[in-house]
C-alpha atoms as a PDB file:
ATOM      1  CA  UNK A   1       3.506  48.467 -34.891  1.00  0.00           C
ATOM      2  CA  UNK A   2       3.069  45.146 -33.128  1.00  0.00           C
ATOM      3  CA  UNK A   3       3.134  41.754 -34.795  1.00  0.00           C
ATOM      4  CA  UNK A   4       1.603  38.778 -33.029  1.00  0.00           C
ATOM      5  CA  UNK A   5       2.096  35.266 -34.338  1.00  0.00           C
ATOM      6  CA  UNK A   6       0.260  32.226 -33.119  1.00  0.00           C
ATOM      7  CA  UNK A   7      -0.384  28.758 -34.433  1.00  0.00           C
ATOM      8  CA  UNK A   8      -3.465  27.682 -32.503  1.00  0.00           C
ATOM      9  CA  UNK A   9      -6.659  27.879 -34.582  1.00  0.00           C
ATOM     10  CA  UNK A  10      -8.837  27.802 -31.446  1.00  0.00           C
ATOM     11  CA  UNK A  11      -7.003  30.832 -30.034  1.00  0.00           C
ATOM     12  CA  UNK A  12      -7.491  32.730 -33.289  1.00  0.00           C
ATOM     13  CA  UNK A  13     -11.221  32.008 -33.221  1.00  0.00           C
ATOM     14  CA  UNK A  14     -11.453  33.096 -29.580  1.00  0.00           C
ATOM     15  CA  UNK A  15      -9.587  36.363 -30.139  1.00  0.00           C
ATOM     16  CA  UNK A  16     -11.825  37.255 -33.074  1.00  0.00           C
ATOM     17  CA  UNK A  17     -14.951  37.201 -30.886  1.00  0.00           C
ATOM     18  CA  UNK A  18     -16.563  40.548 -30.082  1.00  0.00           C
ATOM     19  CA  UNK A  19     -15.518  42.097 -26.764  1.00  0.00           C
ATOM     20  CA  UNK A  20     -18.993  41.513 -25.319  1.00  0.00           C
ATOM     21  CA  UNK A  21     -18.659  37.760 -25.856  1.00  0.00           C
ATOM     22  CA  UNK A  22     -15.107  37.692 -24.496  1.00  0.00           C
ATOM     23  CA  UNK A  23     -16.298  39.470 -21.347  1.00  0.00           C
ATOM     24  CA  UNK A  24     -19.071  36.893 -20.903  1.00  0.00           C
ATOM     25  CA  UNK A  25     -16.382  34.225 -20.913  1.00  0.00           C
ATOM     26  CA  UNK A  26     -14.259  36.285 -18.517  1.00  0.00           C
ATOM     27  CA  UNK A  27     -17.141  36.447 -16.020  1.00  0.00           C
ATOM     28  CA  UNK A  28     -17.152  32.646 -15.908  1.00  0.00           C
ATOM     29  CA  UNK A  29     -13.467  32.683 -14.868  1.00  0.00           C
ATOM     30  CA  UNK A  30     -13.059  35.970 -12.948  1.00  0.00           C
ATOM     31  CA  UNK A  31      -9.809  35.193 -11.118  1.00  0.00           C
ATOM     32  CA  UNK A  32      -8.088  33.929 -14.248  1.00  0.00           C
ATOM     33  CA  UNK A  33      -9.301  36.868 -16.333  1.00  0.00           C
ATOM     34  CA  UNK A  34      -8.181  39.406 -13.718  1.00  0.00           C
ATOM     35  CA  UNK A  35      -4.796  37.729 -13.366  1.00  0.00           C
ATOM     36  CA  UNK A  36      -4.204  38.086 -17.105  1.00  0.00           C
ATOM     37  CA  UNK A  37      -5.690  41.586 -17.225  1.00  0.00           C
ATOM     38  CA  UNK A  38      -3.422  42.889 -14.458  1.00  0.00           C
ATOM     39  CA  UNK A  39      -0.399  41.077 -15.920  1.00  0.00           C
ATOM     40  CA  UNK A  40      -0.980  42.986 -19.156  1.00  0.00           C
ATOM     41  CA  UNK A  41      -2.397  46.316 -17.944  1.00  0.00           C
ATOM     42  CA  UNK A  42      -1.487  46.548 -14.260  1.00  0.00           C
ATOM     43  CA  UNK A  43       1.040  48.496 -12.238  1.00  0.00           C
ATOM     44  CA  UNK A  44       2.170  48.953  -8.635  1.00  0.00           C
ATOM     45  CA  UNK A  45       3.267  52.351  -7.285  1.00  0.00           C
ATOM     46  CA  UNK A  46       5.152  52.685  -4.008  1.00  0.00           C
ATOM     47  CA  UNK A  47       6.020  55.965  -2.297  1.00  0.00           C
ATOM     48  CA  UNK A  48       7.923  56.305   0.945  1.00  0.00           C
ATOM     49  CA  UNK A  49       8.056  59.580   2.840  1.00  0.00           C
ATOM     50  CA  UNK A  50       6.467  60.442   6.150  1.00  0.00           C
ATOM     51  CA  UNK A  51       4.092  57.612   5.319  1.00  0.00           C
ATOM     52  CA  UNK A  52       4.260  54.478   3.218  1.00  0.00           C
ATOM     53  CA  UNK A  53       1.860  54.660   0.235  1.00  0.00           C
ATOM     54  CA  UNK A  54       0.983  51.748  -2.005  1.00  0.00           C
ATOM     55  CA  UNK A  55      -1.250  51.921  -5.068  1.00  0.00           C
ATOM     56  CA  UNK A  56      -2.220  49.009  -7.286  1.00  0.00           C
ATOM     57  CA  UNK A  57      -3.976  49.747 -10.531  1.00  0.00           C
ATOM     58  CA  UNK A  58      -4.539  49.113 -14.205  1.00  0.00           C
ATOM     59  CA  UNK A  59      -4.807  51.405 -17.202  1.00  0.00           C
ATOM     60  CA  UNK A  60      -6.660  50.876 -20.457  1.00  0.00           C
ATOM     61  CA  UNK A  61      -8.357  53.114 -23.018  1.00  0.00           C
ATOM     62  CA  UNK A  62     -11.453  50.878 -23.176  1.00  0.00           C
ATOM     63  CA  UNK A  63     -13.890  52.204 -20.582  1.00  0.00           C
ATOM     64  CA  UNK A  64     -16.182  49.161 -20.937  1.00  0.00           C
ATOM     65  CA  UNK A  65     -13.317  46.764 -20.246  1.00  0.00           C
ATOM     66  CA  UNK A  66     -12.291  48.691 -17.109  1.00  0.00           C
ATOM     67  CA  UNK A  67     -15.891  48.817 -15.933  1.00  0.00           C
ATOM     68  CA  UNK A  68     -16.207  45.042 -16.295  1.00  0.00           C
ATOM     69  CA  UNK A  69     -12.883  44.471 -14.517  1.00  0.00           C
ATOM     70  CA  UNK A  70     -14.118  46.694 -11.696  1.00  0.00           C
ATOM     71  CA  UNK A  71     -17.333  44.632 -11.452  1.00  0.00           C
ATOM     72  CA  UNK A  72     -15.344  41.406 -11.274  1.00  0.00           C
ATOM     73  CA  UNK A  73     -13.097  42.817  -8.563  1.00  0.00           C
ATOM     74  CA  UNK A  74     -16.138  43.976  -6.596  1.00  0.00           C
ATOM     75  CA  UNK A  75     -17.624  40.476  -6.818  1.00  0.00           C
ATOM     76  CA  UNK A  76     -14.402  39.251  -5.160  1.00  0.00           C
ATOM     77  CA  UNK A  77     -14.658  41.871  -2.388  1.00  0.00           C
ATOM     78  CA  UNK A  78     -12.078  44.287  -3.842  1.00  0.00           C
ATOM     79  CA  UNK A  79     -13.103  47.917  -4.391  1.00  0.00           C
ATOM     80  CA  UNK A  80     -11.226  50.377  -6.558  1.00  0.00           C
ATOM     81  CA  UNK A  81     -11.564  53.950  -7.709  1.00  0.00           C
ATOM     82  CA  UNK A  82     -11.935  54.874 -11.375  1.00  0.00           C
ATOM     83  CA  UNK A  83      -9.990  57.811 -12.788  1.00  0.00           C
ATOM     84  CA  UNK A  84      -9.908  59.305 -16.255  1.00  0.00           C
ATOM     85  CA  UNK A  85     -10.619  62.234 -18.468  1.00  0.00           C
ATOM     86  CA  UNK A  86     -14.172  61.856 -19.773  1.00  0.00           C
ATOM     87  CA  UNK A  87     -13.877  64.846 -22.160  1.00  0.00           C
ATOM     88  CA  UNK A  88     -10.971  63.331 -24.045  1.00  0.00           C
ATOM     89  CA  UNK A  89     -10.624  59.730 -25.129  1.00  0.00           C
ATOM     90  CA  UNK A  90      -7.539  59.038 -23.048  1.00  0.00           C
ATOM     91  CA  UNK A  91      -6.346  56.231 -20.898  1.00  0.00           C
ATOM     92  CA  UNK A  92      -8.467  55.514 -17.847  1.00  0.00           C
ATOM     93  CA  UNK A  93      -7.395  53.637 -14.755  1.00  0.00           C
ATOM     94  CA  UNK A  94      -8.586  51.630 -11.793  1.00  0.00           C
ATOM     95  CA  UNK A  95      -6.685  52.121  -8.578  1.00  0.00           C
ATOM     96  CA  UNK A  96      -6.622  50.886  -4.989  1.00  0.00           C
ATOM     97  CA  UNK A  97      -4.493  52.800  -2.460  1.00  0.00           C
ATOM     98  CA  UNK A  98      -3.254  52.093   1.014  1.00  0.00           C
ATOM     99  CA  UNK A  99      -1.207  54.263   3.383  1.00  0.00           C
ATOM    100  CA  UNK A 100       0.536  53.486   6.667  1.00  0.00           C
END
């Protein structure tokens, strides 16, 4: 169980908005939203073998949130792949890979 404490009334009001409204706000500030989103949900994977592989991604169980993040990234010229199990409500992820 997580407990979050805050003392800012404006923040409380903002966090109580429906996701749709929060995403509208996020679209007005795409870089800032994505920075916070990847700080909270992101990861970097590095593998070194015959080649150097780098993957940057984010995981979240909310498909709508990942879809919106993907749209924002695309608007900034960044394309990612979506992965996830559609039959089961499990974590889904966005991922960009690069090999050398």
